[in-house]
Amino acid sequence: MKRHSSVRPASERADKSILHASDRVRDIVRSTRSLVLPVLLTLGSAFPTTVRSEEPVMTFLEALREQGYYDEALDYLDEMRSSPVAPASFGERYDFERGRTLLMSLRRVREKTRQEAILDGAEQALEKFVTERRTHADAAEATELLAGLMLRRSEFALEKSKQENVAEGQRAALLEQARRQLAKAQEVYVRVQEDLKRNLQRIDPKTTDPQQRSFLEDYRVRYMQVKLALPQIKLSEAATYAEAEPQRAALLAAAETEYGAVRKDYRNFGGTYLLATVGMAQAMQLQGKQDEALLVLEEMFALPNSPELRDVKRRALVVALAAYRTKQPIPYGDMI
């Protein structure tokens, strides 16, 4: 068994950075708040009908993925799918776990063509799971992974549109493709947000029941993640328009407003608050509000240089540098 194996093209294998869309959203929220929680949300119901078990089969699968053995993890999934050793619940989760493993494996792939092929395989597995297992405890996460996958596809289309050898007609088609993917992702996130809100309303916030408390915390974390994802979609869509186009200005203004609302509502939730701060500053910077963006980011640079804050501070620095570079002459002293 070889460590960190590459992904075989024939098997269409794919990545982790989609685990939250923003990519990114779920990973950062969890890293800054240590919110690594079990997946218990089910769309459209108050409580999941099943809970992810800790059987040896799942434990071994997780170990393979954590070590970067994605090819072996996919082979193991195929082997255990019909094995008498694996519990029946594992067979029900097969398409979900295959999609997740494919998405995780994207971190090892650099070639865009292979990444897109991998996304195709992941999308097929997750779509099958969501369609056939609507009441499964992991249906919500599968749905959100699909939304994140759409965001990734929109990024690919936008990147292609910026290539020098792209004809104008093809460029316009790619930008429209990116907008369609973003619209689909927003539709999914809005639906998930509504389901989460209903689930939260069904639980007494003062409950002392351990299981309900666990469900309540899970729903709250997911709700925060979706609240962050929606303005990020607007930022992404704004990038598909030229600076002079009115759609761009409207989308950036809406993103700033939405991020500001998240900052206000989640001031006591470190990770969510920090991500919303960076998002709002980015929306301001892209609108030409350089001084306002830098003012918002001041508190970010006053944070300690701890490992869990490194990524979000790096994001803040990227926005701050973009703001400083618009000034003439460039204030190098302030930047330092």
C-alpha atoms as a PDB file:
ATOM      1  CA  MET A   1       0.000   0.000   0.000  1.00  0.00           C
ATOM      2  CA  LYS A   2       1.583   3.249  -1.038  1.00  0.00           C
ATOM      3  CA  ARG A   3       1.124   6.411   0.943  1.00  0.00           C
ATOM      4  CA  HIS A   4      -0.429   9.506  -0.607  1.00  0.00           C
ATOM      5  CA  SER A   5      -1.253   7.683  -3.806  1.00  0.00           C
ATOM      6  CA  SER A   6      -2.332   9.660  -6.836  1.00  0.00           C
ATOM      7  CA  VAL A   7      -5.899   9.388  -8.065  1.00  0.00           C
ATOM      8  CA  ARG A   8      -6.467   7.029 -10.965  1.00  0.00           C
ATOM      9  CA  PRO A   9      -8.234   8.809 -13.853  1.00  0.00           C
ATOM     10  CA  ALA A  10     -10.323   5.737 -14.712  1.00  0.00           C
ATOM     11  CA  SER A  11     -11.936   5.727 -11.342  1.00  0.00           C
ATOM     12  CA  GLU A  12     -12.790   9.448 -11.358  1.00  0.00           C
ATOM     13  CA  ARG A  13     -11.661  10.021  -7.847  1.00  0.00           C
ATOM     14  CA  ALA A  14     -11.985  13.406  -6.006  1.00  0.00           C
ATOM     15  CA  ASP A  15     -11.592  16.145  -2.769  1.00  0.00           C
ATOM     16  CA  LYS A  16     -11.956  17.673   0.533  1.00  0.00           C
ATOM     17  CA  SER A  17     -11.707  21.357  -0.096  1.00  0.00           C
ATOM     18  CA  ILE A  18     -15.373  21.342  -1.046  1.00  0.00           C
ATOM     19  CA  LEU A  19     -16.334  20.266   2.450  1.00  0.00           C
ATOM     20  CA  HIS A  20     -17.456  23.536   2.775  1.00  0.00           C
ATOM     21  CA  ALA A  21     -17.585  26.127   0.203  1.00  0.00           C
ATOM     22  CA  SER A  22     -16.675  27.760   0.681  1.00  0.00           C
ATOM     23  CA  ASP A  23     -15.168  25.420   0.731  1.00  0.00           C
ATOM     24  CA  ARG A  24     -13.751  26.407   2.996  1.00  0.00           C
ATOM     25  CA  VAL A  25     -16.549  27.687   5.140  1.00  0.00           C
ATOM     26  CA  ARG A  26     -17.006  24.471   7.091  1.00  0.00           C
ATOM     27  CA  ASP A  27     -13.282  23.850   7.517  1.00  0.00           C
ATOM     28  CA  ILE A  28     -12.581  27.361   8.829  1.00  0.00           C
ATOM     29  CA  VAL A  29     -15.565  27.469  11.167  1.00  0.00           C
ATOM     30  CA  ARG A  30     -14.501  24.164  12.644  1.00  0.00           C
ATOM     31  CA  SER A  31     -10.830  25.084  12.965  1.00  0.00           C
ATOM     32  CA  THR A  32     -11.498  28.408  14.657  1.00  0.00           C
ATOM     33  CA  ARG A  33     -14.164  27.100  16.995  1.00  0.00           C
ATOM     34  CA  SER A  34     -13.137  23.434  17.348  1.00  0.00           C
ATOM     35  CA  LEU A  35     -16.581  22.507  16.117  1.00  0.00           C
ATOM     36  CA  VAL A  36     -15.806  19.025  14.856  1.00  0.00           C
ATOM     37  CA  LEU A  37     -19.215  17.497  15.451  1.00  0.00           C
ATOM     38  CA  PRO A  38     -20.991  14.333  14.280  1.00  0.00           C
ATOM     39  CA  VAL A  39     -23.305  14.681  11.305  1.00  0.00           C
ATOM     40  CA  LEU A  40     -26.826  14.324  12.671  1.00  0.00           C
ATOM     41  CA  LEU A  41     -28.912  16.633  10.533  1.00  0.00           C
ATOM     42  CA  THR A  42     -31.657  15.237   8.322  1.00  0.00           C
ATOM     43  CA  LEU A  43     -33.424  17.526   5.857  1.00  0.00           C
ATOM     44  CA  GLY A  44     -37.089  17.972   6.572  1.00  0.00           C
ATOM     45  CA  SER A  45     -37.253  16.192   9.924  1.00  0.00           C
ATOM     46  CA  ALA A  46     -36.679  17.172  13.514  1.00  0.00           C
ATOM     47  CA  PHE A  47     -34.267  14.377  14.282  1.00  0.00           C
ATOM     48  CA  PRO A  48     -32.243  11.940  12.205  1.00  0.00           C
ATOM     49  CA  THR A  49     -33.453   8.376  12.054  1.00  0.00           C
ATOM     50  CA  THR A  50     -29.949   6.942  12.327  1.00  0.00           C
ATOM     51  CA  VAL A  51     -26.668   8.020  13.873  1.00  0.00           C
ATOM     52  CA  ARG A  52     -23.258   7.513  12.347  1.00  0.00           C
ATOM     53  CA  SER A  53     -21.853   4.465  14.090  1.00  0.00           C
ATOM     54  CA  GLU A  54     -18.302   3.791  15.176  1.00  0.00           C
ATOM     55  CA  GLU A  55     -18.047   0.306  13.706  1.00  0.00           C
ATOM     56  CA  PRO A  56     -14.562  -0.966  12.834  1.00  0.00           C
ATOM     57  CA  VAL A  57     -15.387  -0.662   9.117  1.00  0.00           C
ATOM     58  CA  MET A  58     -15.955   3.092   9.369  1.00  0.00           C
ATOM     59  CA  THR A  59     -13.004   3.537  11.697  1.00  0.00           C
ATOM     60  CA  PHE A  60     -10.680   1.872   9.193  1.00  0.00           C
ATOM     61  CA  LEU A  61     -12.114   3.886   6.310  1.00  0.00           C
ATOM     62  CA  GLU A  62     -11.572   7.132   8.202  1.00  0.00           C
ATOM     63  CA  ALA A  63      -7.999   6.102   9.003  1.00  0.00           C
ATOM     64  CA  LEU A  64      -7.263   5.477   5.317  1.00  0.00           C
ATOM     65  CA  ARG A  65      -8.611   8.879   4.346  1.00  0.00           C
ATOM     66  CA  GLU A  66      -6.800  10.707   7.140  1.00  0.00           C
ATOM     67  CA  GLN A  67      -3.501   9.253   5.927  1.00  0.00           C
ATOM     68  CA  GLY A  68      -4.185  10.227   2.313  1.00  0.00           C
ATOM     69  CA  TYR A  69      -4.777   6.685   1.026  1.00  0.00           C
ATOM     70  CA  TYR A  70      -7.706   7.741  -1.147  1.00  0.00           C
ATOM     71  CA  ASP A  71      -7.353   5.051  -3.813  1.00  0.00           C
ATOM     72  CA  GLU A  72      -7.199   2.387  -1.137  1.00  0.00           C
ATOM     73  CA  ALA A  73     -10.187   3.928   0.658  1.00  0.00           C
ATOM     74  CA  LEU A  74     -12.234   3.736  -2.542  1.00  0.00           C
ATOM     75  CA  ASP A  75     -11.179   0.125  -3.088  1.00  0.00           C
ATOM     76  CA  TYR A  76     -12.080  -0.664   0.518  1.00  0.00           C
ATOM     77  CA  LEU A  77     -15.501   0.930   0.063  1.00  0.00           C
ATOM     78  CA  ASP A  78     -16.156  -1.260  -2.978  1.00  0.00           C
ATOM     79  CA  GLU A  79     -14.996  -4.351  -1.110  1.00  0.00           C
ATOM     80  CA  MET A  80     -17.083  -3.682   2.000  1.00  0.00           C
ATOM     81  CA  ARG A  81     -20.197  -2.714   0.059  1.00  0.00           C
ATOM     82  CA  SER A  82     -21.323  -6.346  -0.219  1.00  0.00           C
ATOM     83  CA  SER A  83     -19.145  -7.909   2.463  1.00  0.00           C
ATOM     84  CA  PRO A  84     -20.872  -9.904   5.240  1.00  0.00           C
ATOM     85  CA  VAL A  85     -18.387  -8.310   7.634  1.00  0.00           C
ATOM     86  CA  ALA A  86     -19.868  -4.857   7.139  1.00  0.00           C
ATOM     87  CA  PRO A  87     -23.189  -3.894   8.806  1.00  0.00           C
ATOM     88  CA  ALA A  88     -26.236  -3.224   6.640  1.00  0.00           C
ATOM     89  CA  SER A  89     -26.051   0.487   7.517  1.00  0.00           C
ATOM     90  CA  PHE A  90     -22.679   0.682   5.772  1.00  0.00           C
ATOM     91  CA  GLY A  91     -24.211  -0.396   2.477  1.00  0.00           C
ATOM     92  CA  GLU A  92     -26.764   2.397   2.816  1.00  0.00           C
ATOM     93  CA  ARG A  93     -23.949   4.915   3.207  1.00  0.00           C
ATOM     94  CA  TYR A  94     -21.862   3.648   0.293  1.00  0.00           C
ATOM     95  CA  ASP A  95     -22.640   6.415  -2.236  1.00  0.00           C
ATOM     96  CA  PHE A  96     -22.273   9.127   0.406  1.00  0.00           C
ATOM     97  CA  GLU A  97     -18.891   7.845   1.567  1.00  0.00           C
ATOM     98  CA  ARG A  98     -17.729   7.378  -2.013  1.00  0.00           C
ATOM     99  CA  GLY A  99     -18.646  10.984  -2.824  1.00  0.00           C
ATOM    100  CA  ARG A 100     -16.881  12.256   0.289  1.00  0.00           C
ATOM    101  CA  THR A 101     -13.761  10.242  -0.438  1.00  0.00           C
ATOM    102  CA  LEU A 102     -13.624  11.503  -3.998  1.00  0.00           C
ATOM    103  CA  LEU A 103     -13.928  15.090  -2.821  1.00  0.00           C
ATOM    104  CA  MET A 104     -11.229  14.589  -0.203  1.00  0.00           C
ATOM    105  CA  SER A 105      -8.861  13.183  -2.804  1.00  0.00           C
ATOM    106  CA  LEU A 106      -8.994  16.427  -4.828  1.00  0.00           C
ATOM    107  CA  ARG A 107      -6.325  17.858  -2.538  1.00  0.00           C
ATOM    108  CA  ARG A 108      -3.836  15.554  -4.277  1.00  0.00           C
ATOM    109  CA  VAL A 109      -4.826  16.542  -7.816  1.00  0.00           C
ATOM    110  CA  ARG A 110      -3.492  19.636  -9.563  1.00  0.00           C
ATOM    111  CA  GLU A 111      -4.546  19.086 -13.169  1.00  0.00           C
ATOM    112  CA  LYS A 112      -7.825  20.884 -13.872  1.00  0.00           C
ATOM    113  CA  THR A 113      -9.060  18.300 -16.373  1.00  0.00           C
ATOM    114  CA  ARG A 114      -8.667  15.510 -13.843  1.00  0.00           C
ATOM    115  CA  GLN A 115     -10.260  17.622 -11.129  1.00  0.00           C
ATOM    116  CA  GLU A 116     -13.330  18.114 -13.292  1.00  0.00           C
ATOM    117  CA  ALA A 117     -13.526  14.389 -14.027  1.00  0.00           C
ATOM    118  CA  ILE A 118     -13.259  13.717 -10.310  1.00  0.00           C
ATOM    119  CA  LEU A 119     -16.061  16.186  -9.590  1.00  0.00           C
ATOM    120  CA  ASP A 120     -18.221  14.316 -12.088  1.00  0.00           C
ATOM    121  CA  GLY A 121     -17.719  11.086 -10.145  1.00  0.00           C
ATOM    122  CA  ALA A 122     -18.404  12.746  -6.805  1.00  0.00           C
ATOM    123  CA  GLU A 123     -21.515  14.490  -8.113  1.00  0.00           C
ATOM    124  CA  GLN A 124     -22.884  11.235  -9.505  1.00  0.00           C
ATOM    125  CA  ALA A 125     -22.389   9.426  -6.172  1.00  0.00           C
ATOM    126  CA  LEU A 126     -23.854  12.223  -4.053  1.00  0.00           C
ATOM    127  CA  GLU A 127     -26.829  12.783  -6.362  1.00  0.00           C
ATOM    128  CA  LYS A 128     -27.610   9.071  -6.163  1.00  0.00           C
ATOM    129  CA  PHE A 129     -27.397   9.109  -2.380  1.00  0.00           C
ATOM    130  CA  VAL A 130     -29.581  12.203  -1.979  1.00  0.00           C
ATOM    131  CA  THR A 131     -32.174  10.806  -4.389  1.00  0.00           C
ATOM    132  CA  GLU A 132     -32.348   7.325  -2.877  1.00  0.00           C
ATOM    133  CA  ARG A 133     -31.731   8.159   0.807  1.00  0.00           C
ATOM    134  CA  ARG A 134     -33.719  11.319   1.423  1.00  0.00           C
ATOM    135  CA  THR A 135     -34.444  10.424   5.064  1.00  0.00           C
ATOM    136  CA  HIS A 136     -30.936   9.267   5.903  1.00  0.00           C
ATOM    137  CA  ALA A 137     -29.032  11.039   8.676  1.00  0.00           C
ATOM    138  CA  ASP A 138     -26.349  12.093   6.187  1.00  0.00           C
ATOM    139  CA  ALA A 139     -28.736  13.427   3.529  1.00  0.00           C
ATOM    140  CA  ALA A 140     -28.164  17.005   4.675  1.00  0.00           C
ATOM    141  CA  GLU A 141     -24.390  16.824   4.506  1.00  0.00           C
ATOM    142  CA  ALA A 142     -24.591  15.175   1.086  1.00  0.00           C
ATOM    143  CA  THR A 143     -26.826  18.013  -0.086  1.00  0.00           C
ATOM    144  CA  GLU A 144     -24.415  20.641   1.222  1.00  0.00           C
ATOM    145  CA  LEU A 145     -21.478  18.853  -0.384  1.00  0.00           C
ATOM    146  CA  LEU A 146     -23.329  19.044  -3.683  1.00  0.00           C
ATOM    147  CA  ALA A 147     -23.790  22.786  -3.202  1.00  0.00           C
ATOM    148  CA  GLY A 148     -20.079  23.159  -2.494  1.00  0.00           C
ATOM    149  CA  LEU A 149     -19.346  21.105  -5.576  1.00  0.00           C
ATOM    150  CA  MET A 150     -21.375  23.572  -7.632  1.00  0.00           C
ATOM    151  CA  LEU A 151     -19.312  26.400  -6.188  1.00  0.00           C
ATOM    152  CA  ARG A 152     -16.133  24.623  -7.271  1.00  0.00           C
ATOM    153  CA  ARG A 153     -17.495  24.175 -10.794  1.00  0.00           C
ATOM    154  CA  SER A 154     -18.278  27.885 -10.943  1.00  0.00           C
ATOM    155  CA  GLU A 155     -14.671  28.635  -9.954  1.00  0.00           C
ATOM    156  CA  PHE A 156     -13.394  26.428 -12.767  1.00  0.00           C
ATOM    157  CA  ALA A 157     -15.598  28.179 -15.307  1.00  0.00           C
ATOM    158  CA  LEU A 158     -14.484  31.614 -14.066  1.00  0.00           C
ATOM    159  CA  GLU A 159     -10.808  30.612 -14.221  1.00  0.00           C
ATOM    160  CA  LYS A 160     -11.221  29.366 -17.791  1.00  0.00           C
ATOM    161  CA  SER A 161     -12.921  32.610 -18.806  1.00  0.00           C
ATOM    162  CA  LYS A 162      -9.803  34.546 -17.752  1.00  0.00           C
ATOM    163  CA  GLN A 163      -7.412  32.610 -19.968  1.00  0.00           C
ATOM    164  CA  GLU A 164      -5.860  34.680 -22.754  1.00  0.00           C
ATOM    165  CA  ASN A 165      -6.630  32.229 -25.557  1.00  0.00           C
ATOM    166  CA  VAL A 166     -10.378  32.131 -24.880  1.00  0.00           C
ATOM    167  CA  ALA A 167     -12.562  33.633 -27.604  1.00  0.00           C
ATOM    168  CA  GLU A 168     -15.028  36.311 -26.562  1.00  0.00           C
ATOM    169  CA  GLY A 169     -18.059  34.146 -27.278  1.00  0.00           C
ATOM    170  CA  GLN A 170     -16.626  31.265 -25.264  1.00  0.00           C
ATOM    171  CA  ARG A 171     -15.740  33.639 -22.440  1.00  0.00           C
ATOM    172  CA  ALA A 172     -19.338  34.846 -22.215  1.00  0.00           C
ATOM    173  CA  ALA A 173     -20.580  31.246 -22.205  1.00  0.00           C
ATOM    174  CA  LEU A 174     -18.186  30.304 -19.386  1.00  0.00           C
ATOM    175  CA  LEU A 175     -19.282  33.280 -17.293  1.00  0.00           C
ATOM    176  CA  GLU A 176     -22.912  32.328 -17.794  1.00  0.00           C
ATOM    177  CA  GLN A 177     -22.070  28.756 -16.818  1.00  0.00           C
ATOM    178  CA  ALA A 178     -20.470  30.015 -13.602  1.00  0.00           C
ATOM    179  CA  ARG A 179     -23.584  32.039 -12.784  1.00  0.00           C
ATOM    180  CA  ARG A 180     -25.826  29.019 -13.342  1.00  0.00           C
ATOM    181  CA  GLN A 181     -23.742  26.923 -10.961  1.00  0.00           C
ATOM    182  CA  LEU A 182     -23.834  29.674  -8.353  1.00  0.00           C
ATOM    183  CA  ALA A 183     -27.606  30.036  -8.711  1.00  0.00           C
ATOM    184  CA  LYS A 184     -28.026  26.293  -8.177  1.00  0.00           C
ATOM    185  CA  ALA A 185     -25.772  26.394  -5.123  1.00  0.00           C
ATOM    186  CA  GLN A 186     -27.712  29.300  -3.647  1.00  0.00           C
ATOM    187  CA  GLU A 187     -30.989  27.475  -4.196  1.00  0.00           C
ATOM    188  CA  VAL A 188     -29.647  24.464  -2.300  1.00  0.00           C
ATOM    189  CA  TYR A 189     -28.282  26.546   0.573  1.00  0.00           C
ATOM    190  CA  VAL A 190     -31.533  28.484   0.939  1.00  0.00           C
ATOM    191  CA  ARG A 191     -33.453  25.211   1.132  1.00  0.00           C
ATOM    192  CA  VAL A 192     -31.029  23.825   3.701  1.00  0.00           C
ATOM    193  CA  GLN A 193     -31.287  27.027   5.722  1.00  0.00           C
ATOM    194  CA  GLU A 194     -35.074  26.765   5.835  1.00  0.00           C
ATOM    195  CA  ASP A 195     -34.907  23.133   6.942  1.00  0.00           C
ATOM    196  CA  LEU A 196     -32.376  23.972   9.632  1.00  0.00           C
ATOM    197  CA  LYS A 197     -34.514  26.801  10.914  1.00  0.00           C
ATOM    198  CA  ARG A 198     -37.504  24.479  11.224  1.00  0.00           C
ATOM    199  CA  ASN A 199     -35.406  21.882  13.036  1.00  0.00           C
ATOM    200  CA  LEU A 200     -34.080  24.469  15.457  1.00  0.00           C
ATOM    201  CA  GLN A 201     -37.596  25.691  16.218  1.00  0.00           C
ATOM    202  CA  ARG A 202     -38.667  22.145  17.115  1.00  0.00           C
ATOM    203  CA  ILE A 203     -36.145  21.836  19.925  1.00  0.00           C
ATOM    204  CA  ASP A 204     -36.454  23.571  23.273  1.00  0.00           C
ATOM    205  CA  PRO A 205     -33.275  25.698  23.532  1.00  0.00           C
ATOM    206  CA  LYS A 206     -33.252  25.011  27.289  1.00  0.00           C
ATOM    207  CA  THR A 207     -33.478  21.241  26.929  1.00  0.00           C
ATOM    208  CA  THR A 208     -31.244  19.182  29.230  1.00  0.00           C
ATOM    209  CA  ASP A 209     -31.592  15.970  27.264  1.00  0.00           C
ATOM    210  CA  PRO A 210     -28.064  15.056  26.071  1.00  0.00           C
ATOM    211  CA  GLN A 211     -29.191  13.783  22.676  1.00  0.00           C
ATOM    212  CA  GLN A 212     -31.354  16.800  21.945  1.00  0.00           C
ATOM    213  CA  ARG A 213     -28.569  19.113  23.111  1.00  0.00           C
ATOM    214  CA  SER A 214     -26.265  17.382  20.640  1.00  0.00           C
ATOM    215  CA  PHE A 215     -28.769  17.772  17.816  1.00  0.00           C
ATOM    216  CA  LEU A 216     -29.328  21.407  18.759  1.00  0.00           C
ATOM    217  CA  GLU A 217     -25.615  22.190  18.597  1.00  0.00           C
ATOM    218  CA  ASP A 218     -25.266  20.423  15.256  1.00  0.00           C
ATOM    219  CA  TYR A 219     -28.139  22.372  13.747  1.00  0.00           C
ATOM    220  CA  ARG A 220     -26.729  25.655  15.046  1.00  0.00           C
ATOM    221  CA  VAL A 221     -23.299  24.977  13.558  1.00  0.00           C
ATOM    222  CA  ARG A 222     -24.766  24.108  10.173  1.00  0.00           C
ATOM    223  CA  TYR A 223     -26.987  27.170  10.264  1.00  0.00           C
ATOM    224  CA  MET A 224     -23.935  29.382  10.838  1.00  0.00           C
ATOM    225  CA  GLN A 225     -22.134  27.702   7.960  1.00  0.00           C
ATOM    226  CA  VAL A 226     -25.011  28.384   5.588  1.00  0.00           C
ATOM    227  CA  LYS A 227     -25.254  31.994   6.767  1.00  0.00           C
ATOM    228  CA  LEU A 228     -21.625  32.411   5.723  1.00  0.00           C
ATOM    229  CA  ALA A 229     -22.015  30.570   2.433  1.00  0.00           C
ATOM    230  CA  LEU A 230     -24.822  32.750   1.054  1.00  0.00           C
ATOM    231  CA  PRO A 231     -22.922  36.091   0.934  1.00  0.00           C
ATOM    232  CA  GLN A 232     -19.872  34.222  -0.371  1.00  0.00           C
ATOM    233  CA  ILE A 233     -21.955  33.162  -3.363  1.00  0.00           C
ATOM    234  CA  LYS A 234     -22.729  36.817  -4.043  1.00  0.00           C
ATOM    235  CA  LEU A 235     -19.023  37.673  -3.940  1.00  0.00           C
ATOM    236  CA  SER A 236     -18.331  34.853  -6.368  1.00  0.00           C
ATOM    237  CA  GLU A 237     -21.109  35.936  -8.715  1.00  0.00           C
ATOM    238  CA  ALA A 238     -19.873  39.539  -8.635  1.00  0.00           C
ATOM    239  CA  ALA A 239     -16.576  38.271 -10.053  1.00  0.00           C
ATOM    240  CA  THR A 240     -18.412  37.129 -13.195  1.00  0.00           C
ATOM    241  CA  TYR A 241     -19.242  40.738 -14.130  1.00  0.00           C
ATOM    242  CA  ALA A 242     -16.992  43.534 -15.334  1.00  0.00           C
ATOM    243  CA  GLU A 243     -16.312  46.425 -12.933  1.00  0.00           C
ATOM    244  CA  ALA A 244     -18.587  48.809 -14.805  1.00  0.00           C
ATOM    245  CA  GLU A 245     -21.583  46.460 -14.883  1.00  0.00           C
ATOM    246  CA  PRO A 246     -24.377  47.342 -12.416  1.00  0.00           C
ATOM    247  CA  GLN A 247     -24.902  43.703 -11.417  1.00  0.00           C
ATOM    248  CA  ARG A 248     -21.444  43.622  -9.900  1.00  0.00           C
ATOM    249  CA  ALA A 249     -22.049  46.676  -7.725  1.00  0.00           C
ATOM    250  CA  ALA A 250     -25.412  45.336  -6.536  1.00  0.00           C
ATOM    251  CA  LEU A 251     -23.969  41.933  -5.633  1.00  0.00           C
ATOM    252  CA  LEU A 252     -21.030  43.413  -3.724  1.00  0.00           C
ATOM    253  CA  ALA A 253     -23.317  45.736  -1.775  1.00  0.00           C
ATOM    254  CA  ALA A 254     -25.607  42.816  -0.912  1.00  0.00           C
ATOM    255  CA  ALA A 255     -22.638  40.694   0.199  1.00  0.00           C
ATOM    256  CA  GLU A 256     -21.388  43.505   2.446  1.00  0.00           C
ATOM    257  CA  THR A 257     -24.826  43.851   4.034  1.00  0.00           C
ATOM    258  CA  GLU A 258     -25.239  40.114   4.600  1.00  0.00           C
ATOM    259  CA  TYR A 259     -21.777  39.676   6.065  1.00  0.00           C
ATOM    260  CA  GLY A 260     -22.439  42.660   8.320  1.00  0.00           C
ATOM    261  CA  ALA A 261     -25.626  41.038   9.586  1.00  0.00           C
ATOM    262  CA  VAL A 262     -23.763  37.807  10.345  1.00  0.00           C
ATOM    263  CA  ARG A 263     -21.095  39.768  12.249  1.00  0.00           C
ATOM    264  CA  LYS A 264     -23.778  41.418  14.328  1.00  0.00           C
ATOM    265  CA  ASP A 265     -25.718  38.214  15.046  1.00  0.00           C
ATOM    266  CA  TYR A 266     -22.680  36.062  15.807  1.00  0.00           C
ATOM    267  CA  ARG A 267     -20.351  38.442  17.618  1.00  0.00           C
ATOM    268  CA  ASN A 268     -19.887  35.877  20.392  1.00  0.00           C
ATOM    269  CA  PHE A 269     -19.107  33.022  17.992  1.00  0.00           C
ATOM    270  CA  GLY A 270     -15.416  33.457  17.230  1.00  0.00           C
ATOM    271  CA  GLY A 271     -14.974  31.553  13.975  1.00  0.00           C
ATOM    272  CA  THR A 272     -18.187  32.761  12.361  1.00  0.00           C
ATOM    273  CA  TYR A 273     -17.589  36.351  13.424  1.00  0.00           C
ATOM    274  CA  LEU A 274     -14.037  36.398  12.064  1.00  0.00           C
ATOM    275  CA  LEU A 275     -15.019  34.898   8.725  1.00  0.00           C
ATOM    276  CA  ALA A 276     -17.869  37.386   8.368  1.00  0.00           C
ATOM    277  CA  THR A 277     -15.432  40.209   9.174  1.00  0.00           C
ATOM    278  CA  VAL A 278     -13.051  39.155   6.401  1.00  0.00           C
ATOM    279  CA  GLY A 279     -15.946  38.669   3.972  1.00  0.00           C
ATOM    280  CA  MET A 280     -17.396  42.095   4.690  1.00  0.00           C
ATOM    281  CA  ALA A 281     -13.973  43.726   4.315  1.00  0.00           C
ATOM    282  CA  GLN A 282     -13.471  41.991   0.971  1.00  0.00           C
ATOM    283  CA  ALA A 283     -16.846  43.216  -0.282  1.00  0.00           C
ATOM    284  CA  MET A 284     -15.919  46.748   0.814  1.00  0.00           C
ATOM    285  CA  GLN A 285     -12.494  46.576  -0.831  1.00  0.00           C
ATOM    286  CA  LEU A 286     -13.953  45.409  -4.127  1.00  0.00           C
ATOM    287  CA  GLN A 287     -16.394  48.341  -4.030  1.00  0.00           C
ATOM    288  CA  GLY A 288     -13.501  50.783  -3.662  1.00  0.00           C
ATOM    289  CA  LYS A 289     -14.054  51.383   0.065  1.00  0.00           C
ATOM    290  CA  GLN A 290     -10.393  50.807   0.884  1.00  0.00           C
ATOM    291  CA  ASP A 291     -10.148  52.794   4.132  1.00  0.00           C
ATOM    292  CA  GLU A 292     -13.358  51.257   5.484  1.00  0.00           C
ATOM    293  CA  ALA A 293     -12.142  47.768   4.667  1.00  0.00           C
ATOM    294  CA  LEU A 294      -8.818  48.387   6.426  1.00  0.00           C
ATOM    295  CA  LEU A 295     -10.624  49.765   9.477  1.00  0.00           C
ATOM    296  CA  VAL A 296     -12.777  46.632   9.717  1.00  0.00           C
ATOM    297  CA  LEU A 297      -9.676  44.438   9.459  1.00  0.00           C
ATOM    298  CA  GLU A 298      -7.761  46.170  12.263  1.00  0.00           C
ATOM    299  CA  GLU A 299      -9.120  43.812  14.903  1.00  0.00           C
ATOM    300  CA  MET A 300      -8.032  40.817  12.849  1.00  0.00           C
ATOM    301  CA  PHE A 301      -4.379  41.797  13.070  1.00  0.00           C
ATOM    302  CA  ALA A 302      -4.646  42.354  16.812  1.00  0.00           C
ATOM    303  CA  LEU A 303      -5.456  38.664  17.278  1.00  0.00           C
ATOM    304  CA  PRO A 304      -2.771  36.321  18.647  1.00  0.00           C
ATOM    305  CA  ASN A 305      -0.659  34.371  16.163  1.00  0.00           C
ATOM    306  CA  SER A 306      -2.088  31.018  17.166  1.00  0.00           C
ATOM    307  CA  PRO A 307      -2.198  28.091  14.699  1.00  0.00           C
ATOM    308  CA  GLU A 308      -6.003  27.922  14.673  1.00  0.00           C
ATOM    309  CA  LEU A 309      -6.219  31.573  13.569  1.00  0.00           C
ATOM    310  CA  ARG A 310      -3.497  31.390  10.942  1.00  0.00           C
ATOM    311  CA  ASP A 311      -5.745  30.731   7.955  1.00  0.00           C
ATOM    312  CA  VAL A 312      -8.346  33.385   8.693  1.00  0.00           C
ATOM    313  CA  LYS A 313      -5.591  35.962   9.391  1.00  0.00           C
ATOM    314  CA  ARG A 314      -3.944  35.057   6.099  1.00  0.00           C
ATOM    315  CA  ARG A 315      -7.248  35.730   4.322  1.00  0.00           C
ATOM    316  CA  ALA A 316      -7.509  39.071   6.093  1.00  0.00           C
ATOM    317  CA  LEU A 317      -3.976  39.946   5.004  1.00  0.00           C
ATOM    318  CA  VAL A 318      -4.790  39.227   1.350  1.00  0.00           C
ATOM    319  CA  VAL A 319      -7.731  41.658   1.504  1.00  0.00           C
ATOM    320  CA  ALA A 320      -5.659  44.288   3.318  1.00  0.00           C
ATOM    321  CA  LEU A 321      -2.835  44.097   0.758  1.00  0.00           C
ATOM    322  CA  ALA A 322      -5.337  44.513  -2.071  1.00  0.00           C
ATOM    323  CA  ALA A 323      -6.679  47.630  -0.344  1.00  0.00           C
ATOM    324  CA  TYR A 324      -3.216  49.115   0.225  1.00  0.00           C
ATOM    325  CA  ARG A 325      -2.152  48.538  -3.383  1.00  0.00           C
ATOM    326  CA  THR A 326      -4.933  50.786  -4.672  1.00  0.00           C
ATOM    327  CA  LYS A 327      -3.369  53.762  -2.903  1.00  0.00           C
ATOM    328  CA  GLN A 328      -0.863  56.048  -4.614  1.00  0.00           C
ATOM    329  CA  PRO A 329       1.808  56.129  -3.484  1.00  0.00           C
ATOM    330  CA  ILE A 330       1.590  52.721  -1.855  1.00  0.00           C
ATOM    331  CA  PRO A 331       1.861  53.242   1.946  1.00  0.00           C
ATOM    332  CA  TYR A 332       4.531  50.658   2.652  1.00  0.00           C
ATOM    333  CA  GLY A 333       4.965  51.939   6.189  1.00  0.00           C
ATOM    334  CA  ASP A 334       1.318  51.303   7.010  1.00  0.00           C
ATOM    335  CA  MET A 335       1.477  47.886   5.413  1.00  0.00           C
ATOM    336  CA  ILE A 336       4.313  46.859   7.714  1.00  0.00           C
END
